Every structure is written in structure tokens, then in C-alpha cells.
Amino acid sequence: MADVLIKSKKEQTKQRILIAIFLVVLIITLFVLWWGFLKPSTSTVYIGNTAVPKSAGDSSSQYGDVKIDFNVLESQFLKELQTFKNIAPLQKNSGRDNPFLPLEVKEEGI
């Protein structure tokens, strides 16, 4: 009789641990679903280097005013760059006429 009580207590603690693990997994799953799918989204518009949150009722353009800073082209870093040297074409004919055809292997008689 004592054996039956000990087994049932062990089973009860095992069930409680399994229920706790199930609840933790369930909470994590619900949080991920809420965070990924159900959370109301607010779009972010990047203007320059700053992010401006955009509400759903905003009637302006999706991307706001686009401003291009052309002063970057005048930077010292770009002036120090050098162009590539011209590469001469290959002198002898190399390769196959159609490289996509399979190679033909000549089999010799044994």
C-alpha cells in the first residue's frame, strides 16, 4: 500500500513539472504570436539619418520628402580613389565553343 502512495506522489510531481513546462511554452508561444502578428504596426520612415515614426492616419507621402546630399561626392576620400587599369583581352583562343555542352569522353576499346 505504501508503494502505491509513493508512486502516485512521484507521478503527481512529474505531472506538475510537465504542466509547468507546458504553461511556460504556451506563454512563450502566445507572446511570439502577439509580437509578430497581432501587435499593431507603426511604419517607420527614414529621413536622412533619423527615423520618424509614421502613424496610420498620416496622409503625406509614404517616404516623406526625399533629400539627396550631393556634397558626399566632393569628399576627400572619393578624390583619392584611382581608376582600374585597362585589361588587355586574351591573345590566344581559350576555352570551348559552348561551355554548357557536356565533355565528350572518347572510350578506347579494351
N, C-alpha and C. Protein backbone atom coordinates (compact mmCIF):
# COMPACT_ATOMS: atom_id res chain seq x y z
N MET A 1 0.82 -1.19 0.00
CA MET A 1 0.00 0.00 0.00
C MET A 1 0.86 1.25 0.00
N ALA A 2 1.95 1.21 0.75
CA ALA A 2 2.85 2.36 0.82
C ALA A 2 3.52 2.58 -0.53
N ASP A 3 3.76 1.46 -1.23
CA ASP A 3 4.36 1.56 -2.56
C ASP A 3 3.46 2.33 -3.53
N VAL A 4 2.18 2.09 -3.45
CA VAL A 4 1.21 2.74 -4.32
C VAL A 4 1.17 4.24 -4.03
N LEU A 5 1.24 4.64 -2.78
CA LEU A 5 1.22 6.05 -2.42
C LEU A 5 2.49 6.76 -2.89
N ILE A 6 3.62 6.10 -2.79
CA ILE A 6 4.89 6.70 -3.21
C ILE A 6 4.89 6.89 -4.73
N LYS A 7 4.42 5.90 -5.46
CA LYS A 7 4.37 6.03 -6.92
C LYS A 7 3.43 7.16 -7.33
N SER A 8 2.32 7.25 -6.66
CA SER A 8 1.37 8.28 -7.06
C SER A 8 1.93 9.67 -6.74
N LYS A 9 2.66 9.81 -5.63
CA LYS A 9 3.26 11.12 -5.33
C LYS A 9 4.34 11.47 -6.35
N LYS A 10 5.11 10.48 -6.75
CA LYS A 10 6.13 10.71 -7.79
C LYS A 10 5.46 11.10 -9.11
N GLU A 11 4.38 10.42 -9.42
CA GLU A 11 3.66 10.74 -10.65
C GLU A 11 3.03 12.13 -10.58
N GLN A 12 2.54 12.47 -9.40
CA GLN A 12 1.95 13.80 -9.25
C GLN A 12 3.00 14.90 -9.43
N THR A 13 4.18 14.72 -8.85
CA THR A 13 5.22 15.74 -9.02
C THR A 13 5.68 15.79 -10.48
N LYS A 14 5.74 14.63 -11.11
CA LYS A 14 6.12 14.60 -12.52
C LYS A 14 5.08 15.33 -13.37
N GLN A 15 3.80 15.10 -13.07
CA GLN A 15 2.73 15.78 -13.81
C GLN A 15 2.76 17.29 -13.56
N ARG A 16 3.04 17.69 -12.35
CA ARG A 16 3.11 19.12 -12.04
C ARG A 16 4.26 19.78 -12.80
N ILE A 17 5.39 19.10 -12.89
CA ILE A 17 6.52 19.64 -13.64
C ILE A 17 6.17 19.74 -15.12
N LEU A 18 5.53 18.70 -15.65
CA LEU A 18 5.14 18.73 -17.06
C LEU A 18 4.11 19.82 -17.34
N ILE A 19 3.18 20.03 -16.44
CA ILE A 19 2.19 21.10 -16.61
C ILE A 19 2.87 22.46 -16.57
N ALA A 20 3.82 22.64 -15.66
CA ALA A 20 4.55 23.92 -15.58
C ALA A 20 5.33 24.18 -16.87
N ILE A 21 5.98 23.15 -17.40
CA ILE A 21 6.73 23.29 -18.65
C ILE A 21 5.77 23.63 -19.79
N PHE A 22 4.62 22.96 -19.83
CA PHE A 22 3.63 23.24 -20.87
C PHE A 22 3.14 24.68 -20.79
N LEU A 23 2.88 25.17 -19.58
CA LEU A 23 2.41 26.54 -19.42
C LEU A 23 3.47 27.55 -19.86
N VAL A 24 4.73 27.30 -19.55
CA VAL A 24 5.80 28.20 -19.96
C VAL A 24 5.91 28.23 -21.48
N VAL A 25 5.86 27.08 -22.12
CA VAL A 25 5.92 27.02 -23.58
C VAL A 25 4.71 27.71 -24.19
N LEU A 26 3.55 27.54 -23.60
CA LEU A 26 2.34 28.19 -24.09
C LEU A 26 2.43 29.71 -23.98
N ILE A 27 2.94 30.20 -22.87
CA ILE A 27 3.09 31.65 -22.69
C ILE A 27 4.09 32.21 -23.69
N ILE A 28 5.20 31.52 -23.90
CA ILE A 28 6.20 31.98 -24.87
C ILE A 28 5.60 31.99 -26.28
N THR A 29 4.85 30.96 -26.63
CA THR A 29 4.22 30.90 -27.96
C THR A 29 3.23 32.03 -28.15
N LEU A 30 2.39 32.28 -27.15
CA LEU A 30 1.43 33.38 -27.27
C LEU A 30 2.13 34.73 -27.38
N PHE A 31 3.23 34.92 -26.64
CA PHE A 31 3.97 36.16 -26.72
C PHE A 31 4.58 36.37 -28.11
N VAL A 32 5.15 35.31 -28.66
CA VAL A 32 5.75 35.41 -30.00
C VAL A 32 4.67 35.70 -31.04
N LEU A 33 3.53 35.05 -30.94
CA LEU A 33 2.44 35.32 -31.89
C LEU A 33 1.94 36.75 -31.76
N TRP A 34 1.79 37.23 -30.54
CA TRP A 34 1.34 38.61 -30.35
C TRP A 34 2.37 39.59 -30.88
N TRP A 35 3.64 39.35 -30.59
CA TRP A 35 4.70 40.27 -31.00
C TRP A 35 4.85 40.28 -32.52
N GLY A 36 4.69 39.13 -33.18
CA GLY A 36 4.93 39.04 -34.61
C GLY A 36 3.73 39.35 -35.47
N PHE A 37 2.54 39.00 -35.02
CA PHE A 37 1.39 39.11 -35.91
C PHE A 37 0.31 40.06 -35.40
N LEU A 38 0.04 40.07 -34.13
CA LEU A 38 -1.11 40.78 -33.63
C LEU A 38 -0.81 42.19 -33.12
N LYS A 39 0.45 42.50 -32.91
CA LYS A 39 0.81 43.83 -32.41
C LYS A 39 0.52 44.86 -33.50
N PRO A 40 -0.14 45.96 -33.15
CA PRO A 40 -0.42 46.98 -34.17
C PRO A 40 0.90 47.55 -34.69
N SER A 41 1.01 47.60 -36.00
CA SER A 41 2.27 48.02 -36.59
C SER A 41 2.27 49.53 -36.84
N THR A 42 3.41 50.12 -36.62
CA THR A 42 3.63 51.52 -36.98
C THR A 42 4.82 51.54 -37.92
N SER A 43 4.61 52.08 -39.10
CA SER A 43 5.70 52.11 -40.06
C SER A 43 6.68 53.20 -39.70
N THR A 44 7.93 53.02 -40.06
CA THR A 44 8.98 53.97 -39.76
C THR A 44 9.51 54.52 -41.07
N VAL A 45 9.61 55.82 -41.16
CA VAL A 45 10.12 56.48 -42.35
C VAL A 45 11.50 57.02 -42.00
N TYR A 46 12.50 56.70 -42.82
CA TYR A 46 13.85 57.18 -42.59
C TYR A 46 14.10 58.41 -43.45
N ILE A 47 14.37 59.50 -42.79
CA ILE A 47 14.70 60.74 -43.49
C ILE A 47 16.08 61.15 -43.00
N GLY A 48 17.04 61.13 -43.91
CA GLY A 48 18.42 61.42 -43.52
C GLY A 48 18.92 60.30 -42.62
N ASN A 49 19.43 60.65 -41.45
CA ASN A 49 19.94 59.66 -40.51
C ASN A 49 18.97 59.40 -39.36
N THR A 50 17.80 59.99 -39.38
CA THR A 50 16.87 59.84 -38.27
C THR A 50 15.64 59.07 -38.72
N ALA A 51 15.08 58.30 -37.81
CA ALA A 51 13.87 57.55 -38.08
C ALA A 51 12.69 58.32 -37.52
N VAL A 52 11.68 58.50 -38.35
CA VAL A 52 10.49 59.23 -37.94
C VAL A 52 9.33 58.25 -37.96
N PRO A 53 8.70 57.94 -36.80
CA PRO A 53 7.55 57.02 -36.83
C PRO A 53 6.37 57.68 -37.52
N LYS A 54 5.69 56.88 -38.31
CA LYS A 54 4.57 57.38 -39.09
C LYS A 54 3.30 56.69 -38.62
N SER A 55 2.29 57.46 -38.32
CA SER A 55 1.03 56.87 -37.87
C SER A 55 0.21 56.44 -39.08
N ALA A 56 -0.81 55.63 -38.84
CA ALA A 56 -1.61 55.09 -39.93
C ALA A 56 -2.46 56.16 -40.59
N GLY A 57 -2.82 57.23 -39.88
CA GLY A 57 -3.68 58.25 -40.45
C GLY A 57 -2.93 59.37 -41.14
N ASP A 58 -1.62 59.27 -41.25
CA ASP A 58 -0.82 60.31 -41.88
C ASP A 58 -1.06 60.28 -43.39
N SER A 59 -1.38 61.43 -43.97
CA SER A 59 -1.73 61.47 -45.38
C SER A 59 -0.57 61.88 -46.28
N SER A 60 0.60 62.14 -45.71
CA SER A 60 1.73 62.55 -46.54
C SER A 60 2.29 61.33 -47.28
N SER A 61 3.30 61.58 -48.10
CA SER A 61 3.90 60.52 -48.90
C SER A 61 4.43 59.41 -47.98
N GLN A 62 4.51 58.22 -48.54
CA GLN A 62 4.96 57.08 -47.75
C GLN A 62 6.38 57.27 -47.25
N TYR A 63 7.23 57.89 -48.03
CA TYR A 63 8.62 58.04 -47.67
C TYR A 63 8.98 59.45 -47.25
N GLY A 64 8.05 60.35 -47.20
CA GLY A 64 8.33 61.72 -46.81
C GLY A 64 9.05 62.45 -47.93
N ASP A 65 9.68 63.53 -47.61
CA ASP A 65 10.43 64.30 -48.60
C ASP A 65 11.80 63.67 -48.78
N VAL A 66 12.18 63.38 -50.01
CA VAL A 66 13.46 62.77 -50.31
C VAL A 66 14.47 63.88 -50.55
N LYS A 67 15.53 63.86 -49.77
CA LYS A 67 16.59 64.85 -49.92
C LYS A 67 17.90 64.11 -50.15
N ILE A 68 18.59 64.44 -51.23
CA ILE A 68 19.85 63.80 -51.56
C ILE A 68 20.98 64.78 -51.32
N ASP A 69 21.97 64.36 -50.56
CA ASP A 69 23.11 65.21 -50.25
C ASP A 69 24.23 64.90 -51.25
N PHE A 70 24.42 65.75 -52.25
CA PHE A 70 25.45 65.53 -53.26
C PHE A 70 26.82 65.99 -52.80
N ASN A 71 26.94 66.58 -51.64
CA ASN A 71 28.23 67.01 -51.13
C ASN A 71 29.14 65.82 -50.81
N VAL A 72 28.56 64.66 -50.69
CA VAL A 72 29.35 63.45 -50.43
C VAL A 72 30.29 63.18 -51.60
N LEU A 73 29.87 63.53 -52.81
CA LEU A 73 30.70 63.29 -53.99
C LEU A 73 31.95 64.16 -54.00
N GLU A 74 31.97 65.20 -53.22
CA GLU A 74 33.13 66.10 -53.16
C GLU A 74 34.07 65.76 -52.01
N SER A 75 33.86 64.63 -51.33
CA SER A 75 34.69 64.29 -50.18
C SER A 75 36.10 63.91 -50.61
N GLN A 76 37.05 64.07 -49.70
CA GLN A 76 38.46 63.79 -49.98
C GLN A 76 38.68 62.30 -50.23
N PHE A 77 37.91 61.47 -49.56
CA PHE A 77 38.05 60.02 -49.72
C PHE A 77 37.79 59.61 -51.17
N LEU A 78 36.77 60.16 -51.78
CA LEU A 78 36.45 59.80 -53.16
C LEU A 78 37.46 60.38 -54.15
N LYS A 79 38.06 61.50 -53.81
CA LYS A 79 39.06 62.09 -54.70
C LYS A 79 40.35 61.28 -54.72
N GLU A 80 40.64 60.54 -53.64
CA GLU A 80 41.85 59.73 -53.56
C GLU A 80 41.74 58.40 -54.29
N LEU A 81 40.56 58.01 -54.68
CA LEU A 81 40.38 56.73 -55.37
C LEU A 81 40.98 56.78 -56.76
N GLN A 82 41.54 55.65 -57.20
CA GLN A 82 42.14 55.56 -58.52
C GLN A 82 41.32 54.62 -59.39
N THR A 83 41.34 54.87 -60.69
CA THR A 83 40.60 54.01 -61.60
C THR A 83 41.41 52.75 -61.90
N PHE A 84 40.72 51.71 -62.34
CA PHE A 84 41.39 50.47 -62.71
C PHE A 84 42.14 50.66 -64.03
N LYS A 85 43.23 49.91 -64.16
CA LYS A 85 43.95 49.91 -65.43
C LYS A 85 43.16 49.08 -66.44
N ASN A 86 43.29 49.43 -67.71
CA ASN A 86 42.62 48.64 -68.75
C ASN A 86 43.27 47.27 -68.85
N ILE A 87 42.46 46.25 -68.94
CA ILE A 87 42.95 44.89 -69.04
C ILE A 87 42.90 44.49 -70.51
N ALA A 88 44.04 44.04 -71.02
CA ALA A 88 44.11 43.64 -72.43
C ALA A 88 43.36 42.32 -72.62
N PRO A 89 42.69 42.16 -73.75
CA PRO A 89 41.99 40.90 -73.99
C PRO A 89 42.99 39.75 -74.17
N LEU A 90 42.51 38.53 -73.97
CA LEU A 90 43.36 37.36 -74.12
C LEU A 90 43.82 37.22 -75.57
N GLN A 91 45.08 36.83 -75.74
CA GLN A 91 45.65 36.74 -77.07
C GLN A 91 45.27 35.44 -77.77
N LYS A 92 45.36 34.33 -77.08
CA LYS A 92 45.05 33.07 -77.77
C LYS A 92 43.63 32.64 -77.42
N ASN A 93 43.08 31.87 -78.29
CA ASN A 93 41.71 31.42 -78.13
C ASN A 93 41.67 30.35 -77.05
N SER A 94 41.06 30.63 -75.93
CA SER A 94 40.99 29.65 -74.85
C SER A 94 39.55 29.27 -74.59
N GLY A 95 39.36 28.11 -74.07
CA GLY A 95 38.02 27.66 -73.73
C GLY A 95 37.37 26.87 -74.85
N ARG A 96 36.12 26.53 -74.65
CA ARG A 96 35.38 25.75 -75.63
C ARG A 96 34.39 26.65 -76.34
N ASP A 97 33.89 26.19 -77.47
CA ASP A 97 32.90 26.98 -78.20
C ASP A 97 31.62 27.15 -77.39
N ASN A 98 31.13 26.07 -76.84
CA ASN A 98 29.94 26.14 -76.00
C ASN A 98 30.27 25.47 -74.67
N PRO A 99 30.52 26.23 -73.63
CA PRO A 99 30.94 25.62 -72.35
C PRO A 99 29.81 24.89 -71.64
N PHE A 100 28.59 25.01 -72.13
CA PHE A 100 27.47 24.37 -71.45
C PHE A 100 27.22 22.95 -71.94
N LEU A 101 27.86 22.57 -73.05
CA LEU A 101 27.73 21.20 -73.52
C LEU A 101 28.58 20.29 -72.65
N PRO A 102 28.14 19.04 -72.43
CA PRO A 102 28.95 18.12 -71.62
C PRO A 102 30.23 17.74 -72.35
N LEU A 103 31.23 17.40 -71.59
CA LEU A 103 32.50 16.97 -72.18
C LEU A 103 32.32 15.62 -72.84
N GLU A 104 32.94 15.47 -73.99
CA GLU A 104 32.87 14.17 -74.69
C GLU A 104 34.09 13.36 -74.30
N VAL A 105 33.82 12.20 -73.79
CA VAL A 105 34.92 11.31 -73.40
C VAL A 105 35.01 10.21 -74.45
N LYS A 106 36.19 10.10 -75.07
CA LYS A 106 36.40 9.08 -76.10
C LYS A 106 36.79 7.79 -75.41
N GLU A 107 36.00 6.76 -75.63
CA GLU A 107 36.30 5.48 -75.00
C GLU A 107 37.10 4.62 -75.99
N GLU A 108 38.17 4.09 -75.48
CA GLU A 108 39.02 3.21 -76.32
C GLU A 108 38.62 1.77 -76.06
N GLY A 109 38.70 0.96 -77.08
CA GLY A 109 38.35 -0.47 -76.95
C GLY A 109 39.37 -1.18 -76.06
N ILE A 110 38.88 -2.06 -75.25
CA ILE A 110 39.77 -2.80 -74.36
C ILE A 110 40.18 -4.08 -74.98
